Amino acid sequence: MAEIFRAHAYEIVERGHTELVPLLHHSGVDLLLISPQANFAVVAIEIGHLEAS
């Protein structure tokens, strides 16, 4: 899903447009405003369980 979001966001920026882009995640949906002036990054994170010592 992150790659789909990233590709769509880059297409918008390359066209010089501004759009609300849905970002789907485990808690629901967010609408992010993507424009040539917006700064964003898509990075991989790993979610795990911490063990108490």
Protein backbone atom coordinates (compact mmCIF):
# COMPACT_ATOMS: atom_id res chain seq x y z
CA MET A 1 0.00 0.00 0.00
CA ALA A 2 2.85 2.39 0.76
CA GLU A 3 4.27 1.95 -2.74
CA ILE A 4 0.87 2.71 -4.30
CA PHE A 5 0.58 5.87 -2.18
CA ARG A 6 4.14 6.95 -3.04
CA ALA A 7 3.69 6.41 -6.77
CA HIS A 8 0.41 8.34 -6.83
CA ALA A 9 1.84 11.18 -4.75
CA TYR A 10 4.87 11.52 -7.05
CA GLU A 11 2.59 11.60 -10.11
CA ILE A 12 0.64 14.48 -8.59
CA VAL A 13 3.81 16.41 -7.81
CA GLU A 14 5.26 15.80 -11.29
CA ARG A 15 2.08 17.22 -12.86
CA GLY A 16 2.30 20.27 -10.58
CA HIS A 17 -1.16 19.58 -9.13
CA THR A 18 -2.55 19.49 -5.59
CA GLU A 19 -4.84 16.67 -4.45
CA LEU A 20 -6.11 14.94 -1.34
CA VAL A 21 -4.74 11.40 -1.39
CA PRO A 22 -6.19 8.65 0.81
CA LEU A 23 -3.68 6.80 2.97
CA LEU A 24 -5.08 3.48 4.22
CA HIS A 25 -3.69 2.01 7.42
CA HIS A 26 -4.64 -0.37 10.23
CA SER A 27 -6.54 2.35 12.12
CA GLY A 28 -8.55 3.57 9.14
CA VAL A 29 -8.04 6.20 6.46
CA ASP A 30 -6.31 9.58 6.44
CA LEU A 31 -6.51 12.14 3.64
CA LEU A 32 -3.15 13.80 2.99
CA LEU A 33 -2.82 16.98 0.96
CA ILE A 34 -0.13 16.34 -1.66
CA SER A 35 1.24 19.25 -3.66
CA PRO A 36 4.55 20.32 -5.20
CA GLN A 37 5.20 22.34 -2.02
CA ALA A 38 4.51 19.42 0.37
CA ASN A 39 7.38 17.50 1.94
CA PHE A 40 6.78 13.82 2.61
CA ALA A 41 8.67 10.57 2.81
CA VAL A 42 7.61 6.95 2.66
CA VAL A 43 9.81 4.74 4.83
CA ALA A 44 9.59 1.15 5.98
CA ILE A 45 9.18 0.55 9.69
CA GLU A 46 9.14 -2.69 11.57
CA ILE A 47 6.65 -3.17 14.36
CA GLY A 48 7.42 -5.77 16.97
CA HIS A 49 6.98 -6.58 20.61
CA LEU A 50 9.45 -5.40 23.23
CA GLU A 51 10.36 -7.89 25.89
CA ALA A 52 10.74 -6.70 29.46
CA SER A 53 14.13 -7.48 30.97
